[in-house]
Amino acid sequence: MSKKMMALISTLAFLALTGAAFAQEGAAAAASTGGGWLGSDTATKYFAYFFALGLAVYGGTTGQSKAAAVALEGIARNPAAADKIQTPMIIALALMESLVIFALISSKLV
């Protein structure tokens, strides 16, 4: 199985299992409103946040792995250029990681 498929499966499994964390809150809402927690606005909001966060993490890790692979390939072909390749690669990785952290923070704030 490819790495992309494993990452997608693990992301989907994470998204599927996160609903259990909010079951207690949903049960209280269901008891007060008479409806199930799956139909509540809170469950929809949490599902959307976790789905967006899963996509952000998947995109960030995919971009980081591609950037690191290309940089290491360039260093392997020309070891003298390692210092010219390493610094821009680390800056690019930090920017990609900051986007994932921004997605995490923005999902927590809303």
PDB file of N, CA and C in Angstrom:
ATOM      1  N   MET A   1       0.844  -1.167   0.000  1.00  0.00           N
ATOM      2  CA  MET A   1       0.000   0.000   0.000  1.00  0.00           C
ATOM      3  C   MET A   1       0.895   1.237   0.000  1.00  0.00           C
ATOM      4  N   SER A   2       0.551   2.237  -0.781  1.00  0.00           N
ATOM      5  CA  SER A   2       1.398   3.413  -0.907  1.00  0.00           C
ATOM      6  C   SER A   2       1.287   4.302   0.330  1.00  0.00           C
ATOM      7  N   LYS A   3       2.257   5.188   0.475  1.00  0.00           N
ATOM      8  CA  LYS A   3       2.275   6.088   1.623  1.00  0.00           C
ATOM      9  C   LYS A   3       1.102   7.059   1.567  1.00  0.00           C
ATOM     10  N   LYS A   4       0.741   7.484   0.357  1.00  0.00           N
ATOM     11  CA  LYS A   4      -0.391   8.398   0.222  1.00  0.00           C
ATOM     12  C   LYS A   4      -1.684   7.728   0.673  1.00  0.00           C
ATOM     13  N   MET A   5      -1.843   6.477   0.314  1.00  0.00           N
ATOM     14  CA  MET A   5      -3.057   5.757   0.692  1.00  0.00           C
ATOM     15  C   MET A   5      -3.096   5.546   2.205  1.00  0.00           C
ATOM     16  N   MET A   6      -1.950   5.229   2.812  1.00  0.00           N
ATOM     17  CA  MET A   6      -1.900   5.050   4.252  1.00  0.00           C
ATOM     18  C   MET A   6      -2.211   6.360   4.979  1.00  0.00           C
ATOM     19  N   ALA A   7      -1.688   7.483   4.467  1.00  0.00           N
ATOM     20  CA  ALA A   7      -1.970   8.773   5.079  1.00  0.00           C
ATOM     21  C   ALA A   7      -3.443   9.117   4.956  1.00  0.00           C
ATOM     22  N   LEU A   8      -4.038   8.824   3.826  1.00  0.00           N
ATOM     23  CA  LEU A   8      -5.458   9.102   3.637  1.00  0.00           C
ATOM     24  C   LEU A   8      -6.314   8.235   4.557  1.00  0.00           C
ATOM     25  N   ILE A   9      -5.956   6.960   4.670  1.00  0.00           N
ATOM     26  CA  ILE A   9      -6.720   6.058   5.539  1.00  0.00           C
ATOM     27  C   ILE A   9      -6.599   6.483   6.996  1.00  0.00           C
ATOM     28  N   SER A  10      -5.401   6.851   7.422  1.00  0.00           N
ATOM     29  CA  SER A  10      -5.237   7.264   8.817  1.00  0.00           C
ATOM     30  C   SER A  10      -5.966   8.575   9.095  1.00  0.00           C
ATOM     31  N   THR A  11      -5.989   9.488   8.126  1.00  0.00           N
ATOM     32  CA  THR A  11      -6.729  10.735   8.297  1.00  0.00           C
ATOM     33  C   THR A  11      -8.220  10.472   8.394  1.00  0.00           C
ATOM     34  N   LEU A  12      -8.732   9.602   7.539  1.00  0.00           N
ATOM     35  CA  LEU A  12     -10.154   9.281   7.579  1.00  0.00           C
ATOM     36  C   LEU A  12     -10.521   8.542   8.870  1.00  0.00           C
ATOM     37  N   ALA A  13      -9.631   7.676   9.343  1.00  0.00           N
ATOM     38  CA  ALA A  13      -9.885   6.985  10.607  1.00  0.00           C
ATOM     39  C   ALA A  13      -9.905   7.970  11.765  1.00  0.00           C
ATOM     40  N   PHE A  14      -9.001   8.936  11.737  1.00  0.00           N
ATOM     41  CA  PHE A  14      -8.985   9.974  12.765  1.00  0.00           C
ATOM     42  C   PHE A  14     -10.295  10.755  12.750  1.00  0.00           C
ATOM     43  N   LEU A  15     -10.744  11.112  11.560  1.00  0.00           N
ATOM     44  CA  LEU A  15     -11.991  11.864  11.456  1.00  0.00           C
ATOM     45  C   LEU A  15     -13.181  11.043  11.925  1.00  0.00           C
ATOM     46  N   ALA A  16     -13.168   9.755  11.649  1.00  0.00           N
ATOM     47  CA  ALA A  16     -14.289   8.904  12.034  1.00  0.00           C
ATOM     48  C   ALA A  16     -14.332   8.692  13.544  1.00  0.00           C
ATOM     49  N   LEU A  17     -13.180   8.656  14.184  1.00  0.00           N
ATOM     50  CA  LEU A  17     -13.136   8.361  15.614  1.00  0.00           C
ATOM     51  C   LEU A  17     -13.253   9.584  16.503  1.00  0.00           C
ATOM     52  N   THR A  18     -13.134  10.781  15.941  1.00  0.00           N
ATOM     53  CA  THR A  18     -13.195  11.974  16.782  1.00  0.00           C
ATOM     54  C   THR A  18     -14.601  12.265  17.274  1.00  0.00           C
ATOM     55  N   GLY A  19     -15.601  11.738  16.636  1.00  0.00           N
ATOM     56  CA  GLY A  19     -16.970  11.972  17.081  1.00  0.00           C
ATOM     57  C   GLY A  19     -17.231  11.413  18.460  1.00  0.00           C
ATOM     58  N   ALA A  20     -16.531  10.357  18.839  1.00  0.00           N
ATOM     59  CA  ALA A  20     -16.729   9.763  20.162  1.00  0.00           C
ATOM     60  C   ALA A  20     -16.296  10.711  21.268  1.00  0.00           C
ATOM     61  N   ALA A  21     -15.368  11.591  20.976  1.00  0.00           N
ATOM     62  CA  ALA A  21     -14.906  12.533  21.991  1.00  0.00           C
ATOM     63  C   ALA A  21     -15.994  13.531  22.366  1.00  0.00           C
ATOM     64  N   PHE A  22     -16.908  13.777  21.454  1.00  0.00           N
ATOM     65  CA  PHE A  22     -17.958  14.757  21.699  1.00  0.00           C
ATOM     66  C   PHE A  22     -19.306  14.098  21.965  1.00  0.00           C
ATOM     67  N   ALA A  23     -19.317  12.802  22.211  1.00  0.00           N
ATOM     68  CA  ALA A  23     -20.570  12.094  22.422  1.00  0.00           C
ATOM     69  C   ALA A  23     -21.248  12.525  23.720  1.00  0.00           C
ATOM     70  N   GLN A  24     -20.461  12.797  24.744  1.00  0.00           N
ATOM     71  CA  GLN A  24     -21.049  13.205  26.019  1.00  0.00           C
ATOM     72  C   GLN A  24     -21.758  14.535  25.879  1.00  0.00           C
ATOM     73  N   GLU A  25     -21.123  15.499  25.230  1.00  0.00           N
ATOM     74  CA  GLU A  25     -21.748  16.799  25.012  1.00  0.00           C
ATOM     75  C   GLU A  25     -22.985  16.645  24.146  1.00  0.00           C
ATOM     76  N   GLY A  26     -22.899  15.794  23.139  1.00  0.00           N
ATOM     77  CA  GLY A  26     -24.031  15.572  22.254  1.00  0.00           C
ATOM     78  C   GLY A  26     -25.180  14.886  22.962  1.00  0.00           C
ATOM     79  N   ALA A  27     -24.859  13.991  23.890  1.00  0.00           N
ATOM     80  CA  ALA A  27     -25.914  13.297  24.628  1.00  0.00           C
ATOM     81  C   ALA A  27     -26.681  14.278  25.505  1.00  0.00           C
ATOM     82  N   ALA A  28     -25.982  15.225  26.112  1.00  0.00           N
ATOM     83  CA  ALA A  28     -26.656  16.234  26.936  1.00  0.00           C
ATOM     84  C   ALA A  28     -27.544  17.121  26.073  1.00  0.00           C
ATOM     85  N   ALA A  29     -27.059  17.478  24.892  1.00  0.00           N
ATOM     86  CA  ALA A  29     -27.863  18.305  23.989  1.00  0.00           C
ATOM     87  C   ALA A  29     -29.076  17.532  23.485  1.00  0.00           C
ATOM     88  N   ALA A  30     -28.892  16.237  23.236  1.00  0.00           N
ATOM     89  CA  ALA A  30     -30.001  15.422  22.759  1.00  0.00           C
ATOM     90  C   ALA A  30     -31.067  15.260  23.834  1.00  0.00           C
ATOM     91  N   ALA A  31     -30.629  15.154  25.089  1.00  0.00           N
ATOM     92  CA  ALA A  31     -31.590  15.007  26.179  1.00  0.00           C
ATOM     93  C   ALA A  31     -32.417  16.276  26.360  1.00  0.00           C
ATOM     94  N   SER A  32     -31.779  17.427  26.117  1.00  0.00           N
ATOM     95  CA  SER A  32     -32.505  18.676  26.321  1.00  0.00           C
ATOM     96  C   SER A  32     -33.376  19.041  25.125  1.00  0.00           C
ATOM     97  N   THR A  33     -32.964  18.670  23.920  1.00  0.00           N
ATOM     98  CA  THR A  33     -33.727  19.048  22.735  1.00  0.00           C
ATOM     99  C   THR A  33     -34.579  17.918  22.198  1.00  0.00           C
ATOM    100  N   GLY A  34     -34.291  16.695  22.590  1.00  0.00           N
ATOM    101  CA  GLY A  34     -35.069  15.564  22.102  1.00  0.00           C
ATOM    102  C   GLY A  34     -34.548  14.989  20.799  1.00  0.00           C
ATOM    103  N   GLY A  35     -33.519  15.559  20.224  1.00  0.00           N
ATOM    104  CA  GLY A  35     -32.966  15.071  18.966  1.00  0.00           C
ATOM    105  C   GLY A  35     -31.645  14.368  19.187  1.00  0.00           C
ATOM    106  N   GLY A  36     -31.152  13.712  18.159  1.00  0.00           N
ATOM    107  CA  GLY A  36     -29.866  13.034  18.244  1.00  0.00           C
ATOM    108  C   GLY A  36     -28.722  14.012  18.092  1.00  0.00           C
ATOM    109  N   TRP A  37     -27.550  13.636  18.586  1.00  0.00           N
ATOM    110  CA  TRP A  37     -26.402  14.535  18.517  1.00  0.00           C
ATOM    111  C   TRP A  37     -25.866  14.653  17.107  1.00  0.00           C
ATOM    112  N   LEU A  38     -26.161  13.693  16.230  1.00  0.00           N
ATOM    113  CA  LEU A  38     -25.675  13.785  14.860  1.00  0.00           C
ATOM    114  C   LEU A  38     -26.360  14.891  14.076  1.00  0.00           C
ATOM    115  N   GLY A  39     -27.573  15.232  14.453  1.00  0.00           N
ATOM    116  CA  GLY A  39     -28.289  16.272  13.737  1.00  0.00           C
ATOM    117  C   GLY A  39     -28.098  17.659  14.311  1.00  0.00           C
ATOM    118  N   SER A  40     -27.295  17.791  15.358  1.00  0.00           N
ATOM    119  CA  SER A  40     -27.129  19.088  15.994  1.00  0.00           C
ATOM    120  C   SER A  40     -26.127  19.951  15.233  1.00  0.00           C
ATOM    121  N   ASP A  41     -26.220  21.233  15.478  1.00  0.00           N
ATOM    122  CA  ASP A  41     -25.289  22.169  14.845  1.00  0.00           C
ATOM    123  C   ASP A  41     -23.882  21.988  15.380  1.00  0.00           C
ATOM    124  N   THR A  42     -23.770  21.617  16.645  1.00  0.00           N
ATOM    125  CA  THR A  42     -22.451  21.415  17.248  1.00  0.00           C
ATOM    126  C   THR A  42     -21.715  20.269  16.577  1.00  0.00           C
ATOM    127  N   ALA A  43     -22.401  19.170  16.322  1.00  0.00           N
ATOM    128  CA  ALA A  43     -21.756  18.023  15.672  1.00  0.00           C
ATOM    129  C   ALA A  43     -21.330  18.377  14.261  1.00  0.00           C
ATOM    130  N   THR A  44     -22.156  19.121  13.556  1.00  0.00           N
ATOM    131  CA  THR A  44     -21.804  19.535  12.191  1.00  0.00           C
ATOM    132  C   THR A  44     -20.592  20.448  12.212  1.00  0.00           C
ATOM    133  N   LYS A  45     -20.554  21.349  13.174  1.00  0.00           N
ATOM    134  CA  LYS A  45     -19.426  22.274  13.288  1.00  0.00           C
ATOM    135  C   LYS A  45     -18.134  21.513  13.576  1.00  0.00           C
ATOM    136  N   TYR A  46     -18.196  20.578  14.533  1.00  0.00           N
ATOM    137  CA  TYR A  46     -16.993  19.820  14.858  1.00  0.00           C
ATOM    138  C   TYR A  46     -16.539  18.946  13.695  1.00  0.00           C
ATOM    139  N   PHE A  47     -17.482  18.344  13.005  1.00  0.00           N
ATOM    140  CA  PHE A  47     -17.113  17.530  11.845  1.00  0.00           C
ATOM    141  C   PHE A  47     -16.434  18.390  10.784  1.00  0.00           C
ATOM    142  N   ALA A  48     -16.958  19.569  10.528  1.00  0.00           N
ATOM    143  CA  ALA A  48     -16.349  20.455   9.528  1.00  0.00           C
ATOM    144  C   ALA A  48     -14.952  20.891   9.957  1.00  0.00           C
ATOM    145  N   TYR A  49     -14.778  21.195  11.251  1.00  0.00           N
ATOM    146  CA  TYR A  49     -13.461  21.611  11.735  1.00  0.00           C
ATOM    147  C   TYR A  49     -12.442  20.491  11.612  1.00  0.00           C
ATOM    148  N   PHE A  50     -12.836  19.296  12.023  1.00  0.00           N
ATOM    149  CA  PHE A  50     -11.889  18.192  11.956  1.00  0.00           C
ATOM    150  C   PHE A  50     -11.598  17.776  10.523  1.00  0.00           C
ATOM    151  N   PHE A  51     -12.583  17.890   9.663  1.00  0.00           N
ATOM    152  CA  PHE A  51     -12.343  17.582   8.251  1.00  0.00           C
ATOM    153  C   PHE A  51     -11.372  18.595   7.649  1.00  0.00           C
ATOM    154  N   ALA A  52     -11.573  19.878   7.939  1.00  0.00           N
ATOM    155  CA  ALA A  52     -10.667  20.913   7.432  1.00  0.00           C
ATOM    156  C   ALA A  52      -9.268  20.739   8.005  1.00  0.00           C
ATOM    157  N   LEU A  53      -9.192  20.409   9.287  1.00  0.00           N
ATOM    158  CA  LEU A  53      -7.888  20.201   9.904  1.00  0.00           C
ATOM    159  C   LEU A  53      -7.191  18.976   9.315  1.00  0.00           C
ATOM    160  N   GLY A  54      -7.944  17.919   9.062  1.00  0.00           N
ATOM    161  CA  GLY A  54      -7.361  16.734   8.430  1.00  0.00           C
ATOM    162  C   GLY A  54      -6.823  17.030   7.045  1.00  0.00           C
ATOM    163  N   LEU A  55      -7.562  17.822   6.273  1.00  0.00           N
ATOM    164  CA  LEU A  55      -7.076  18.211   4.945  1.00  0.00           C
ATOM    165  C   LEU A  55      -5.829  19.081   5.044  1.00  0.00           C
ATOM    166  N   ALA A  56      -5.803  19.993   6.012  1.00  0.00           N
ATOM    167  CA  ALA A  56      -4.635  20.852   6.183  1.00  0.00           C
ATOM    168  C   ALA A  56      -3.404  20.045   6.564  1.00  0.00           C
ATOM    169  N   VAL A  57      -3.585  19.108   7.473  1.00  0.00           N
ATOM    170  CA  VAL A  57      -2.456  18.271   7.898  1.00  0.00           C
ATOM    171  C   VAL A  57      -1.978  17.385   6.751  1.00  0.00           C
ATOM    172  N   TYR A  58      -2.928  16.814   6.013  1.00  0.00           N
ATOM    173  CA  TYR A  58      -2.546  15.967   4.880  1.00  0.00           C
ATOM    174  C   TYR A  58      -1.791  16.780   3.830  1.00  0.00           C
ATOM    175  N   GLY A  59      -2.298  17.960   3.510  1.00  0.00           N
ATOM    176  CA  GLY A  59      -1.618  18.808   2.523  1.00  0.00           C
ATOM    177  C   GLY A  59      -0.261  19.270   3.002  1.00  0.00           C
ATOM    178  N   GLY A  60      -0.178  19.637   4.278  1.00  0.00           N
ATOM    179  CA  GLY A  60       1.101  20.093   4.823  1.00  0.00           C
ATOM    180  C   GLY A  60       2.156  19.007   4.839  1.00  0.00           C
ATOM    181  N   THR A  61       1.774  17.814   5.269  1.00  0.00           N
ATOM    182  CA  THR A  61       2.747  16.724   5.311  1.00  0.00           C
ATOM    183  C   THR A  61       3.140  16.263   3.915  1.00  0.00           C
ATOM    184  N   THR A  62       2.201  16.312   2.984  1.00  0.00           N
ATOM    185  CA  THR A  62       2.545  15.958   1.605  1.00  0.00           C
ATOM    186  C   THR A  62       3.534  16.955   1.024  1.00  0.00           C
ATOM    187  N   GLY A  63       3.274  18.242   1.251  1.00  0.00           N
ATOM    188  CA  GLY A  63       4.195  19.268   0.755  1.00  0.00           C
ATOM    189  C   GLY A  63       5.557  19.185   1.404  1.00  0.00           C
ATOM    190  N   GLN A  64       5.577  18.938   2.702  1.00  0.00           N
ATOM    191  CA  GLN A  64       6.856  18.831   3.403  1.00  0.00           C
ATOM    192  C   GLN A  64       7.660  17.627   2.932  1.00  0.00           C
ATOM    193  N   SER A  65       6.994  16.511   2.709  1.00  0.00           N
ATOM    194  CA  SER A  65       7.722  15.321   2.271  1.00  0.00           C
ATOM    195  C   SER A  65       8.275  15.504   0.868  1.00  0.00           C
ATOM    196  N   LYS A  66       7.507  16.145   0.003  1.00  0.00           N
ATOM    197  CA  LYS A  66       8.015  16.392  -1.361  1.00  0.00           C
ATOM    198  C   LYS A  66       9.188  17.370  -1.348  1.00  0.00           C
ATOM    199  N   ALA A  67       9.080  18.434  -0.531  1.00  0.00           N
ATOM    200  CA  ALA A  67      10.164  19.415  -0.459  1.00  0.00           C
ATOM    201  C   ALA A  67      11.441  18.785   0.100  1.00  0.00           C
ATOM    202  N   ALA A  68      11.295  17.983   1.142  1.00  0.00           N
ATOM    203  CA  ALA A  68      12.475  17.335   1.729  1.00  0.00           C
ATOM    204  C   ALA A  68      13.092  16.331   0.759  1.00  0.00           C
ATOM    205  N   ALA A  69      12.250  15.587   0.041  1.00  0.00           N
ATOM    206  CA  ALA A  69      12.771  14.596  -0.902  1.00  0.00           C
ATOM    207  C   ALA A  69      13.544  15.265  -2.038  1.00  0.00           C
ATOM    208  N   VAL A  70      13.003  16.344  -2.569  1.00  0.00           N
ATOM    209  CA  VAL A  70      13.679  17.035  -3.668  1.00  0.00           C
ATOM    210  C   VAL A  70      14.974  17.679  -3.179  1.00  0.00           C
ATOM    211  N   ALA A  71      14.955  18.258  -1.978  1.00  0.00           N
ATOM    212  CA  ALA A  71      16.165  18.883  -1.443  1.00  0.00           C
ATOM    213  C   ALA A  71      17.248  17.838  -1.180  1.00  0.00           C
ATOM    214  N   LEU A  72      16.871  16.714  -0.613  1.00  0.00           N
ATOM    215  CA  LEU A  72      17.864  15.666  -0.363  1.00  0.00           C
ATOM    216  C   LEU A  72      18.396  15.070  -1.654  1.00  0.00           C
ATOM    217  N   GLU A  73      17.541  14.979  -2.660  1.00  0.00           N
ATOM    218  CA  GLU A  73      18.007  14.496  -3.964  1.00  0.00           C
ATOM    219  C   GLU A  73      19.006  15.479  -4.572  1.00  0.00           C
ATOM    220  N   GLY A  74      18.726  16.771  -4.422  1.00  0.00           N
ATOM    221  CA  GLY A  74      19.659  17.779  -4.934  1.00  0.00           C
ATOM    222  C   GLY A  74      20.985  17.746  -4.199  1.00  0.00           C
ATOM    223  N   ILE A  75      20.939  17.541  -2.892  1.00  0.00           N
ATOM    224  CA  ILE A  75      22.176  17.455  -2.115  1.00  0.00           C
ATOM    225  C   ILE A  75      22.950  16.192  -2.485  1.00  0.00           C
ATOM    226  N   ALA A  76      22.236  15.105  -2.753  1.00  0.00           N
ATOM    227  CA  ALA A  76      22.913  13.861  -3.136  1.00  0.00           C
ATOM    228  C   ALA A  76      23.600  14.004  -4.489  1.00  0.00           C
ATOM    229  N   ARG A  77      22.991  14.751  -5.383  1.00  0.00           N
ATOM    230  CA  ARG A  77      23.610  14.942  -6.708  1.00  0.00           C
ATOM    231  C   ARG A  77      24.787  15.904  -6.652  1.00  0.00           C
ATOM    232  N   ASN A  78      24.681  16.925  -5.799  1.00  0.00           N
ATOM    233  CA  ASN A  78      25.749  17.919  -5.704  1.00  0.00           C
ATOM    234  C   ASN A  78      25.983  18.254  -4.230  1.00  0.00           C
ATOM    235  N   PRO A  79      26.847  17.495  -3.553  1.00  0.00           N
ATOM    236  CA  PRO A  79      27.068  17.732  -2.123  1.00  0.00           C
ATOM    237  C   PRO A  79      27.667  19.110  -1.813  1.00  0.00           C
ATOM    238  N   ALA A  80      28.307  19.737  -2.765  1.00  0.00           N
ATOM    239  CA  ALA A  80      28.896  21.054  -2.522  1.00  0.00           C
ATOM    240  C   ALA A  80      27.821  22.127  -2.363  1.00  0.00           C
ATOM    241  N   ALA A  81      26.633  21.878  -2.877  1.00  0.00           N
ATOM    242  CA  ALA A  81      25.546  22.858  -2.805  1.00  0.00           C
ATOM    243  C   ALA A  81      24.641  22.628  -1.602  1.00  0.00           C
ATOM    244  N   ALA A  82      25.076  21.809  -0.655  1.00  0.00           N
ATOM    245  CA  ALA A  82      24.222  21.464   0.486  1.00  0.00           C
ATOM    246  C   ALA A  82      23.835  22.684   1.302  1.00  0.00           C
ATOM    247  N   ASP A  83      24.792  23.593   1.553  1.00  0.00           N
ATOM    248  CA  ASP A  83      24.461  24.766   2.360  1.00  0.00           C
ATOM    249  C   ASP A  83      23.553  25.740   1.616  1.00  0.00           C
ATOM    250  N   LYS A  84      23.609  25.756   0.298  1.00  0.00           N
ATOM    251  CA  LYS A  84      22.718  26.624  -0.482  1.00  0.00           C
ATOM    252  C   LYS A  84      21.307  26.038  -0.591  1.00  0.00           C
ATOM    253  N   ILE A  85      21.190  24.748  -0.432  1.00  0.00           N
ATOM    254  CA  ILE A  85      19.881  24.092  -0.532  1.00  0.00           C
ATOM    255  C   ILE A  85      19.221  23.982   0.836  1.00  0.00           C
ATOM    256  N   GLN A  86      20.008  23.753   1.871  1.00  0.00           N
ATOM    257  CA  GLN A  86      19.460  23.443   3.187  1.00  0.00           C
ATOM    258  C   GLN A  86      18.686  24.613   3.799  1.00  0.00           C
ATOM    259  N   THR A  87      19.226  25.818   3.727  1.00  0.00           N
ATOM    260  CA  THR A  87      18.567  26.964   4.359  1.00  0.00           C
ATOM    261  C   THR A  87      17.213  27.281   3.725  1.00  0.00           C
ATOM    262  N   PRO A  88      17.116  27.381   2.391  1.00  0.00           N
ATOM    263  CA  PRO A  88      15.784  27.622   1.819  1.00  0.00           C
ATOM    264  C   PRO A  88      14.804  26.478   2.083  1.00  0.00           C
ATOM    265  N   MET A  89      15.323  25.235   2.163  1.00  0.00           N
ATOM    266  CA  MET A  89      14.438  24.111   2.453  1.00  0.00           C
ATOM    267  C   MET A  89      13.865  24.226   3.858  1.00  0.00           C
ATOM    268  N   ILE A  90      14.680  24.583   4.837  1.00  0.00           N
ATOM    269  CA  ILE A  90      14.200  24.710   6.213  1.00  0.00           C
ATOM    270  C   ILE A  90      13.194  25.851   6.324  1.00  0.00           C
ATOM    271  N   ILE A  91      13.430  26.949   5.627  1.00  0.00           N
ATOM    272  CA  ILE A  91      12.477  28.057   5.639  1.00  0.00           C
ATOM    273  C   ILE A  91      11.159  27.620   5.014  1.00  0.00           C
ATOM    274  N   ALA A  92      11.222  26.893   3.910  1.00  0.00           N
ATOM    275  CA  ALA A  92      10.002  26.416   3.252  1.00  0.00           C
ATOM    276  C   ALA A  92       9.248  25.435   4.153  1.00  0.00           C
ATOM    277  N   LEU A  93       9.964  24.542   4.828  1.00  0.00           N
ATOM    278  CA  LEU A  93       9.316  23.602   5.743  1.00  0.00           C
ATOM    279  C   LEU A  93       8.656  24.341   6.911  1.00  0.00           C
ATOM    280  N   ALA A  94       9.310  25.374   7.419  1.00  0.00           N
ATOM    281  CA  ALA A  94       8.728  26.144   8.520  1.00  0.00           C
ATOM    282  C   ALA A  94       7.453  26.856   8.059  1.00  0.00           C
ATOM    283  N   LEU A  95       7.446  27.376   6.847  1.00  0.00           N
ATOM    284  CA  LEU A  95       6.248  28.049   6.337  1.00  0.00           C
ATOM    285  C   LEU A  95       5.108  27.056   6.123  1.00  0.00           C
ATOM    286  N   MET A  96       5.423  25.871   5.632  1.00  0.00           N
ATOM    287  CA  MET A  96       4.382  24.853   5.454  1.00  0.00           C
ATOM    288  C   MET A  96       3.817  24.425   6.804  1.00  0.00           C
ATOM    289  N   GLU A  97       4.679  24.258   7.782  1.00  0.00           N
ATOM    290  CA  GLU A  97       4.222  23.846   9.110  1.00  0.00           C
ATOM    291  C   GLU A  97       3.403  24.955   9.761  1.00  0.00           C
ATOM    292  N   SER A  98       3.750  26.208   9.499  1.00  0.00           N
ATOM    293  CA  SER A  98       2.983  27.310  10.085  1.00  0.00           C
ATOM    294  C   SER A  98       1.558  27.341   9.542  1.00  0.00           C
ATOM    295  N   LEU A  99       1.356  26.942   8.301  1.00  0.00           N
ATOM    296  CA  LEU A  99       0.000  26.885   7.759  1.00  0.00           C
ATOM    297  C   LEU A  99      -0.832  25.816   8.458  1.00  0.00           C
ATOM    298  N   VAL A 100      -0.226  24.687   8.775  1.00  0.00           N
ATOM    299  CA  VAL A 100      -0.941  23.630   9.493  1.00  0.00           C
ATOM    300  C   VAL A 100      -1.265  24.087  10.914  1.00  0.00           C
ATOM    301  N   ILE A 101      -0.327  24.750  11.569  1.00  0.00           N
ATOM    302  CA  ILE A 101      -0.572  25.260  12.911  1.00  0.00           C
ATOM    303  C   ILE A 101      -1.652  26.340  12.875  1.00  0.00           C
ATOM    304  N   PHE A 102      -1.643  27.186  11.853  1.00  0.00           N
ATOM    305  CA  PHE A 102      -2.689  28.197  11.700  1.00  0.00           C
ATOM    306  C   PHE A 102      -4.065  27.547  11.534  1.00  0.00           C
ATOM    307  N   ALA A 103      -4.136  26.464  10.790  1.00  0.00           N
ATOM    308  CA  ALA A 103      -5.414  25.750  10.641  1.00  0.00           C
ATOM    309  C   ALA A 103      -5.868  25.182  11.971  1.00  0.00           C
ATOM    310  N   LEU A 104      -4.945  24.654  12.764  1.00  0.00           N
ATOM    311  CA  LEU A 104      -5.286  24.124  14.083  1.00  0.00           C
ATOM    312  C   LEU A 104      -5.815  25.222  14.996  1.00  0.00           C
ATOM    313  N   ILE A 105      -5.121  26.353  15.025  1.00  0.00           N
ATOM    314  CA  ILE A 105      -5.524  27.451  15.897  1.00  0.00           C
ATOM    315  C   ILE A 105      -6.856  28.040  15.448  1.00  0.00           C
ATOM    316  N   SER A 106      -7.034  28.205  14.151  1.00  0.00           N
ATOM    317  CA  SER A 106      -8.288  28.804  13.675  1.00  0.00           C
ATOM    318  C   SER A 106      -9.463  27.867  13.918  1.00  0.00           C
ATOM    319  N   SER A 107      -9.252  26.561  13.896  1.00  0.00           N
ATOM    320  CA  SER A 107     -10.354  25.651  14.191  1.00  0.00           C
ATOM    321  C   SER A 107     -10.690  25.648  15.678  1.00  0.00           C
ATOM    322  N   LYS A 108      -9.722  25.928  16.527  1.00  0.00           N
ATOM    323  CA  LYS A 108      -9.969  26.000  17.966  1.00  0.00           C
ATOM    324  C   LYS A 108     -10.672  27.302  18.348  1.00  0.00           C
ATOM    325  N   LEU A 109     -10.445  28.363  17.605  1.00  0.00           N
ATOM    326  CA  LEU A 109     -11.005  29.668  17.962  1.00  0.00           C
ATOM    327  C   LEU A 109     -12.488  29.797  17.614  1.00  0.00           C
ATOM    328  N   VAL A 110     -12.913  29.096  16.618  1.00  0.00           N
ATOM    329  CA  VAL A 110     -14.296  29.278  16.150  1.00  0.00           C
ATOM    330  C   VAL A 110     -15.261  28.433  16.927  1.00  0.00           C
TER     331      VAL A 110
END
